[in-house]
Amino acid sequence: MLWIIFVGLVAGIIARILSPGPNNPSGFILTIVLGVAGAFLATFVGQAIGHYGPNQGAGFITATIGALVVLFIWNRLVARRVISDPGSR
């Protein structure tokens, strides 16, 4: 469990550095959630295409790529005003 949080934190930080923007989810907890969601997305897609086995998970690089995808989706939802921007309050 601690390893998942650590990978999520590192992947979230790297994704936020690579994709700066005014409507990024900010804060320590949201950065971890961003990275963990990216790792889950990368694991799901990797297992679906046969890159990972049933008991394998994403590493740092693919978790970061997954976090970038999650951040891109977040930014698109905020831009279309489907969800509110927490930084605009």
N, C-alpha and C. Protein backbone atom coordinates (compact mmCIF):
# COMPACT_ATOMS: atom_id res chain seq x y z
N MET A 1 0.83 -1.19 0.00
CA MET A 1 0.00 0.00 0.00
C MET A 1 0.88 1.26 0.00
N LEU A 2 1.93 1.24 0.78
CA LEU A 2 2.84 2.38 0.82
C LEU A 2 3.53 2.57 -0.53
N TRP A 3 3.85 1.46 -1.20
CA TRP A 3 4.48 1.55 -2.51
C TRP A 3 3.55 2.19 -3.53
N ILE A 4 2.27 1.87 -3.48
CA ILE A 4 1.29 2.46 -4.40
C ILE A 4 1.20 3.97 -4.17
N ILE A 5 1.19 4.38 -2.92
CA ILE A 5 1.13 5.81 -2.61
C ILE A 5 2.40 6.51 -3.09
N PHE A 6 3.55 5.88 -2.90
CA PHE A 6 4.81 6.49 -3.33
C PHE A 6 4.86 6.61 -4.85
N VAL A 7 4.50 5.55 -5.57
CA VAL A 7 4.47 5.60 -7.03
C VAL A 7 3.47 6.66 -7.49
N GLY A 8 2.31 6.73 -6.86
CA GLY A 8 1.30 7.73 -7.19
C GLY A 8 1.81 9.14 -6.97
N LEU A 9 2.52 9.37 -5.87
CA LEU A 9 3.05 10.69 -5.58
C LEU A 9 4.08 11.10 -6.63
N VAL A 10 5.01 10.21 -6.93
CA VAL A 10 6.05 10.53 -7.91
C VAL A 10 5.44 10.74 -9.30
N ALA A 11 4.55 9.85 -9.71
CA ALA A 11 3.91 9.98 -11.03
C ALA A 11 3.07 11.25 -11.10
N GLY A 12 2.36 11.58 -10.03
CA GLY A 12 1.55 12.80 -10.01
C GLY A 12 2.40 14.06 -10.08
N ILE A 13 3.51 14.07 -9.36
CA ILE A 13 4.40 15.24 -9.40
C ILE A 13 4.99 15.41 -10.79
N ILE A 14 5.47 14.33 -11.39
CA ILE A 14 6.06 14.41 -12.73
C ILE A 14 5.01 14.84 -13.74
N ALA A 15 3.80 14.30 -13.65
CA ALA A 15 2.74 14.68 -14.58
C ALA A 15 2.38 16.16 -14.44
N ARG A 16 2.35 16.66 -13.22
CA ARG A 16 2.02 18.08 -13.02
C ARG A 16 3.13 18.98 -13.52
N ILE A 17 4.39 18.53 -13.45
CA ILE A 17 5.50 19.31 -13.97
C ILE A 17 5.45 19.33 -15.50
N LEU A 18 5.15 18.19 -16.11
CA LEU A 18 5.12 18.10 -17.57
C LEU A 18 3.90 18.78 -18.18
N SER A 19 2.83 18.93 -17.41
CA SER A 19 1.60 19.52 -17.94
C SER A 19 1.12 20.64 -17.02
N PRO A 20 1.85 21.75 -16.99
CA PRO A 20 1.40 22.84 -16.12
C PRO A 20 0.16 23.51 -16.69
N GLY A 21 -0.66 24.02 -15.83
CA GLY A 21 -1.86 24.69 -16.26
C GLY A 21 -2.55 25.34 -15.09
N PRO A 22 -3.42 26.29 -15.36
CA PRO A 22 -4.08 26.99 -14.27
C PRO A 22 -5.16 26.16 -13.58
N ASN A 23 -5.65 25.12 -14.23
CA ASN A 23 -6.75 24.35 -13.64
C ASN A 23 -6.32 22.95 -13.23
N ASN A 24 -5.07 22.78 -12.85
CA ASN A 24 -4.62 21.50 -12.35
C ASN A 24 -5.15 21.28 -10.94
N PRO A 25 -5.51 20.05 -10.62
CA PRO A 25 -5.87 19.79 -9.23
C PRO A 25 -4.61 19.95 -8.38
N SER A 26 -4.69 20.77 -7.34
CA SER A 26 -3.50 21.05 -6.56
C SER A 26 -3.64 20.46 -5.16
N GLY A 27 -2.52 20.37 -4.51
CA GLY A 27 -2.49 19.83 -3.16
C GLY A 27 -1.83 18.47 -3.14
N PHE A 28 -1.32 18.13 -1.98
CA PHE A 28 -0.59 16.88 -1.78
C PHE A 28 -1.47 15.66 -2.04
N ILE A 29 -2.65 15.64 -1.45
CA ILE A 29 -3.54 14.49 -1.58
C ILE A 29 -4.02 14.33 -3.02
N LEU A 30 -4.40 15.43 -3.67
CA LEU A 30 -4.87 15.35 -5.05
C LEU A 30 -3.76 14.95 -6.01
N THR A 31 -2.52 15.30 -5.70
CA THR A 31 -1.40 14.85 -6.52
C THR A 31 -1.22 13.35 -6.41
N ILE A 32 -1.35 12.82 -5.21
CA ILE A 32 -1.26 11.36 -5.02
C ILE A 32 -2.41 10.67 -5.74
N VAL A 33 -3.62 11.21 -5.60
CA VAL A 33 -4.79 10.62 -6.27
C VAL A 33 -4.61 10.64 -7.79
N LEU A 34 -4.06 11.74 -8.30
CA LEU A 34 -3.79 11.84 -9.73
C LEU A 34 -2.82 10.75 -10.18
N GLY A 35 -1.75 10.56 -9.45
CA GLY A 35 -0.77 9.53 -9.80
C GLY A 35 -1.31 8.12 -9.67
N VAL A 36 -2.05 7.86 -8.60
CA VAL A 36 -2.63 6.52 -8.40
C VAL A 36 -3.67 6.22 -9.49
N ALA A 37 -4.49 7.22 -9.82
CA ALA A 37 -5.47 7.03 -10.91
C ALA A 37 -4.75 6.77 -12.23
N GLY A 38 -3.64 7.47 -12.46
CA GLY A 38 -2.86 7.23 -13.67
C GLY A 38 -2.26 5.84 -13.69
N ALA A 39 -1.80 5.36 -12.54
CA ALA A 39 -1.24 4.01 -12.46
C ALA A 39 -2.32 2.96 -12.70
N PHE A 40 -3.50 3.17 -12.14
CA PHE A 40 -4.60 2.23 -12.38
C PHE A 40 -5.01 2.23 -13.85
N LEU A 41 -5.08 3.42 -14.45
CA LEU A 41 -5.42 3.51 -15.87
C LEU A 41 -4.37 2.80 -16.72
N ALA A 42 -3.10 3.05 -16.43
CA ALA A 42 -2.02 2.42 -17.19
C ALA A 42 -2.02 0.90 -17.01
N THR A 43 -2.29 0.43 -15.80
CA THR A 43 -2.36 -1.00 -15.55
C THR A 43 -3.53 -1.63 -16.30
N PHE A 44 -4.69 -0.97 -16.26
CA PHE A 44 -5.87 -1.49 -16.95
C PHE A 44 -5.63 -1.59 -18.46
N VAL A 45 -5.11 -0.52 -19.04
CA VAL A 45 -4.86 -0.51 -20.49
C VAL A 45 -3.77 -1.51 -20.84
N GLY A 46 -2.71 -1.56 -20.03
CA GLY A 46 -1.62 -2.51 -20.28
C GLY A 46 -2.07 -3.96 -20.22
N GLN A 47 -2.94 -4.28 -19.28
CA GLN A 47 -3.46 -5.64 -19.20
C GLN A 47 -4.43 -5.93 -20.33
N ALA A 48 -5.19 -4.93 -20.75
CA ALA A 48 -6.16 -5.13 -21.83
C ALA A 48 -5.47 -5.40 -23.17
N ILE A 49 -4.31 -4.78 -23.39
CA ILE A 49 -3.62 -5.00 -24.66
C ILE A 49 -2.59 -6.12 -24.57
N GLY A 50 -2.45 -6.72 -23.40
CA GLY A 50 -1.57 -7.86 -23.24
C GLY A 50 -0.14 -7.51 -22.87
N HIS A 51 0.12 -6.26 -22.54
CA HIS A 51 1.48 -5.85 -22.17
C HIS A 51 1.84 -6.33 -20.77
N TYR A 52 0.87 -6.33 -19.87
CA TYR A 52 1.07 -6.80 -18.51
C TYR A 52 0.27 -8.07 -18.29
N GLY A 53 0.79 -8.92 -17.40
CA GLY A 53 0.06 -10.11 -17.00
C GLY A 53 -1.01 -9.75 -15.98
N PRO A 54 -1.82 -10.74 -15.58
CA PRO A 54 -2.92 -10.46 -14.65
C PRO A 54 -2.46 -9.96 -13.28
N ASN A 55 -1.25 -10.32 -12.86
CA ASN A 55 -0.77 -9.90 -11.54
C ASN A 55 0.30 -8.83 -11.61
N GLN A 56 0.46 -8.19 -12.76
CA GLN A 56 1.46 -7.15 -12.92
C GLN A 56 0.80 -5.78 -12.93
N GLY A 57 1.56 -4.80 -12.49
CA GLY A 57 1.06 -3.43 -12.48
C GLY A 57 1.97 -2.52 -13.25
N ALA A 58 1.55 -1.29 -13.40
CA ALA A 58 2.33 -0.31 -14.13
C ALA A 58 3.53 0.15 -13.31
N GLY A 59 4.58 0.53 -14.01
CA GLY A 59 5.77 1.08 -13.36
C GLY A 59 5.69 2.60 -13.34
N PHE A 60 6.81 3.22 -13.00
CA PHE A 60 6.85 4.68 -12.89
C PHE A 60 6.53 5.37 -14.20
N ILE A 61 7.14 4.89 -15.29
CA ILE A 61 6.97 5.58 -16.57
C ILE A 61 5.53 5.48 -17.07
N THR A 62 4.97 4.28 -17.06
CA THR A 62 3.60 4.14 -17.54
C THR A 62 2.59 4.77 -16.58
N ALA A 63 2.90 4.77 -15.29
CA ALA A 63 2.02 5.46 -14.34
C ALA A 63 2.04 6.97 -14.60
N THR A 64 3.20 7.49 -14.95
CA THR A 64 3.29 8.91 -15.27
C THR A 64 2.52 9.23 -16.55
N ILE A 65 2.64 8.37 -17.54
CA ILE A 65 1.87 8.56 -18.78
C ILE A 65 0.38 8.49 -18.49
N GLY A 66 -0.03 7.52 -17.66
CA GLY A 66 -1.43 7.44 -17.27
C GLY A 66 -1.89 8.67 -16.51
N ALA A 67 -1.03 9.21 -15.64
CA ALA A 67 -1.37 10.43 -14.91
C ALA A 67 -1.50 11.62 -15.85
N LEU A 68 -0.66 11.67 -16.89
CA LEU A 68 -0.79 12.73 -17.89
C LEU A 68 -2.13 12.63 -18.62
N VAL A 69 -2.54 11.40 -18.92
CA VAL A 69 -3.85 11.20 -19.59
C VAL A 69 -4.98 11.64 -18.66
N VAL A 70 -4.91 11.25 -17.39
CA VAL A 70 -5.94 11.66 -16.42
C VAL A 70 -5.96 13.18 -16.28
N LEU A 71 -4.79 13.81 -16.24
CA LEU A 71 -4.71 15.26 -16.14
C LEU A 71 -5.27 15.94 -17.39
N PHE A 72 -5.01 15.36 -18.55
CA PHE A 72 -5.57 15.89 -19.79
C PHE A 72 -7.09 15.81 -19.78
N ILE A 73 -7.63 14.68 -19.34
CA ILE A 73 -9.09 14.52 -19.24
C ILE A 73 -9.66 15.52 -18.24
N TRP A 74 -8.99 15.70 -17.10
CA TRP A 74 -9.41 16.68 -16.09
C TRP A 74 -9.48 18.07 -16.71
N ASN A 75 -8.42 18.45 -17.43
CA ASN A 75 -8.38 19.79 -18.04
C ASN A 75 -9.48 19.97 -19.08
N ARG A 76 -9.77 18.96 -19.86
CA ARG A 76 -10.84 19.04 -20.85
C ARG A 76 -12.20 19.17 -20.18
N LEU A 77 -12.43 18.45 -19.09
CA LEU A 77 -13.70 18.54 -18.37
C LEU A 77 -13.88 19.92 -17.75
N VAL A 78 -12.80 20.50 -17.24
CA VAL A 78 -12.88 21.85 -16.67
C VAL A 78 -13.11 22.87 -17.78
N ALA A 79 -12.43 22.70 -18.93
CA ALA A 79 -12.58 23.63 -20.03
C ALA A 79 -14.00 23.62 -20.58
N ARG A 80 -14.64 22.46 -20.57
CA ARG A 80 -16.03 22.38 -21.05
C ARG A 80 -17.04 22.66 -19.95
N ARG A 81 -16.55 22.99 -18.78
CA ARG A 81 -17.37 23.31 -17.61
C ARG A 81 -18.27 22.16 -17.17
N VAL A 82 -17.81 20.94 -17.40
CA VAL A 82 -18.53 19.76 -16.90
C VAL A 82 -18.30 19.64 -15.39
N ILE A 83 -17.09 19.95 -14.96
CA ILE A 83 -16.77 20.00 -13.54
C ILE A 83 -16.23 21.39 -13.23
N SER A 84 -16.35 21.80 -11.99
CA SER A 84 -15.89 23.15 -11.63
C SER A 84 -14.40 23.11 -11.32
N ASP A 85 -13.76 24.23 -11.55
CA ASP A 85 -12.33 24.38 -11.28
C ASP A 85 -12.16 24.72 -9.80
N PRO A 86 -11.51 23.85 -9.02
CA PRO A 86 -11.34 24.13 -7.60
C PRO A 86 -10.46 25.34 -7.33
N GLY A 87 -9.63 25.75 -8.30
CA GLY A 87 -8.75 26.89 -8.10
C GLY A 87 -9.42 28.24 -8.37
N SER A 88 -10.65 28.24 -8.88
CA SER A 88 -11.30 29.49 -9.24
C SER A 88 -12.13 30.09 -8.10
N ARG A 89 -12.17 29.45 -6.98
CA ARG A 89 -13.00 29.94 -5.87
C ARG A 89 -12.33 30.99 -5.09
